[in-house]
Amino acid sequence: MQHHIIVSFGKDAEFEYKLVGGGAPDEARQWFDREFTALECDVATPTGKILAVDRILSVARYAGEGRFRDQPAWAEQFAKNTASILGRDLIRVDVEQYSIGY
């Protein structure tokens, strides 16, 4: 399966990744867990449970536009792991609006 992942920090700051295949969802979840902790992400949820989409959006937000621009290998890992967890061919991570679209 081909994946097209767009990470948007606003109109003039979008990063696009086109990937073929994907990794194991469990490994992707572990990667996001590590990054979530390393970036000291904080998500307020009414239930206290942090969903996969919350982790994806929080990691993108806390990493910031600079990391996507300056660390392309890290950004590719983010895109690959996002595709592995969500399993969709087109994924838009809108950091500014804190939403994920398909």
Protein backbone atom coordinates (compact mmCIF):
# COMPACT_ATOMS: atom_id res chain seq x y z
CA MET A 1 0.00 0.00 0.00
CA GLN A 2 1.17 3.52 -0.77
CA HIS A 3 0.84 6.20 1.88
CA HIS A 4 0.78 9.96 1.46
CA ILE A 5 1.28 11.79 4.75
CA ILE A 6 1.01 15.56 5.04
CA VAL A 7 2.09 17.29 8.23
CA SER A 8 0.86 20.87 8.32
CA PHE A 9 1.91 23.66 10.67
CA GLY A 10 -0.10 26.23 8.70
CA LYS A 11 -0.53 27.37 5.12
CA ASP A 12 3.16 27.97 4.38
CA ALA A 13 4.62 25.14 6.44
CA GLU A 14 3.63 21.73 5.08
CA PHE A 15 5.76 18.62 4.88
CA GLU A 16 4.79 15.77 2.54
CA TYR A 17 5.94 12.17 2.63
CA LYS A 18 5.17 9.42 0.15
CA LEU A 19 5.88 5.91 1.38
CA VAL A 20 5.36 2.40 0.12
CA GLY A 21 4.43 -0.26 2.63
CA GLY A 22 4.56 0.23 6.35
CA GLY A 23 5.91 -1.16 9.54
CA ALA A 24 4.32 -3.12 12.34
CA PRO A 25 1.65 -1.16 14.23
CA ASP A 26 3.05 -2.33 17.61
CA GLU A 27 6.52 -1.00 16.77
CA ALA A 28 4.97 2.28 15.60
CA ARG A 29 3.06 2.63 18.89
CA GLN A 30 6.29 2.00 20.83
CA TRP A 31 8.08 4.66 18.77
CA PHE A 32 5.33 7.19 19.53
CA ASP A 33 5.39 6.23 23.23
CA ARG A 34 9.15 6.88 23.38
CA GLU A 35 8.88 10.20 21.51
CA PHE A 36 5.87 11.29 23.59
CA THR A 37 7.91 10.74 26.76
CA ALA A 38 11.16 12.21 25.39
CA LEU A 39 9.41 15.38 24.22
CA GLU A 40 7.58 15.63 27.57
CA CYS A 41 4.22 15.92 25.82
CA ASP A 42 1.20 16.79 27.91
CA VAL A 43 -2.35 16.08 26.74
CA ALA A 44 -5.40 16.96 28.77
CA THR A 45 -8.15 14.45 28.10
CA PRO A 46 -11.42 14.17 30.02
CA THR A 47 -10.98 10.42 30.52
CA GLY A 48 -7.26 10.53 31.21
CA LYS A 49 -6.67 8.03 28.40
CA ILE A 50 -4.36 9.11 25.59
CA LEU A 51 -5.43 7.80 22.18
CA ALA A 52 -3.08 7.07 19.27
CA VAL A 53 -4.23 10.20 17.41
CA ASP A 54 -3.48 12.29 20.52
CA ARG A 55 0.04 10.87 20.61
CA ILE A 56 0.58 11.56 16.91
CA LEU A 57 -0.68 15.14 17.17
CA SER A 58 1.19 15.84 20.41
CA VAL A 59 4.49 14.49 19.13
CA ALA A 60 4.15 16.64 16.01
CA ARG A 61 3.26 19.72 18.05
CA TYR A 62 5.99 19.31 20.65
CA ALA A 63 8.63 18.41 18.05
CA GLY A 64 7.70 21.52 16.11
CA GLU A 65 8.11 22.66 12.56
CA GLY A 66 11.88 23.00 13.02
CA ARG A 67 12.42 19.32 13.66
CA PHE A 68 10.46 18.36 10.54
CA ARG A 69 12.54 20.81 8.51
CA ASP A 70 15.96 20.15 10.08
CA GLN A 71 15.80 16.42 10.85
CA PRO A 72 14.45 14.68 7.74
CA ALA A 73 15.30 11.17 9.00
CA TRP A 74 13.26 11.77 12.16
CA ALA A 75 10.41 13.23 10.09
CA GLU A 76 10.40 10.17 7.81
CA GLN A 77 10.13 7.95 10.90
CA PHE A 78 7.22 10.05 12.11
CA ALA A 79 5.46 9.66 8.74
CA LYS A 80 6.17 5.92 8.52
CA ASN A 81 4.92 5.27 12.04
CA THR A 82 1.84 7.43 11.51
CA ALA A 83 0.98 5.39 8.41
CA SER A 84 1.58 2.13 10.30
CA ILE A 85 -0.77 3.05 13.13
CA LEU A 86 -3.55 4.63 11.07
CA GLY A 87 -3.32 2.38 7.99
CA ARG A 88 -4.77 4.91 5.56
CA ASP A 89 -3.44 5.83 2.14
CA LEU A 90 -3.86 9.61 2.69
CA ILE A 91 -3.33 11.15 6.12
CA ARG A 92 -3.25 14.86 6.94
CA VAL A 93 -1.84 15.78 10.34
CA ASP A 94 -2.94 19.36 10.95
CA VAL A 95 -0.91 20.52 13.92
CA GLU A 96 -2.34 24.04 13.89
CA GLN A 97 -5.96 22.76 14.10
CA TYR A 98 -4.98 19.72 16.22
CA SER A 99 -6.76 17.33 13.90
CA ILE A 100 -6.12 14.35 11.66
CA GLY A 101 -7.96 13.97 8.37
CA TYR A 102 -8.13 11.12 5.90
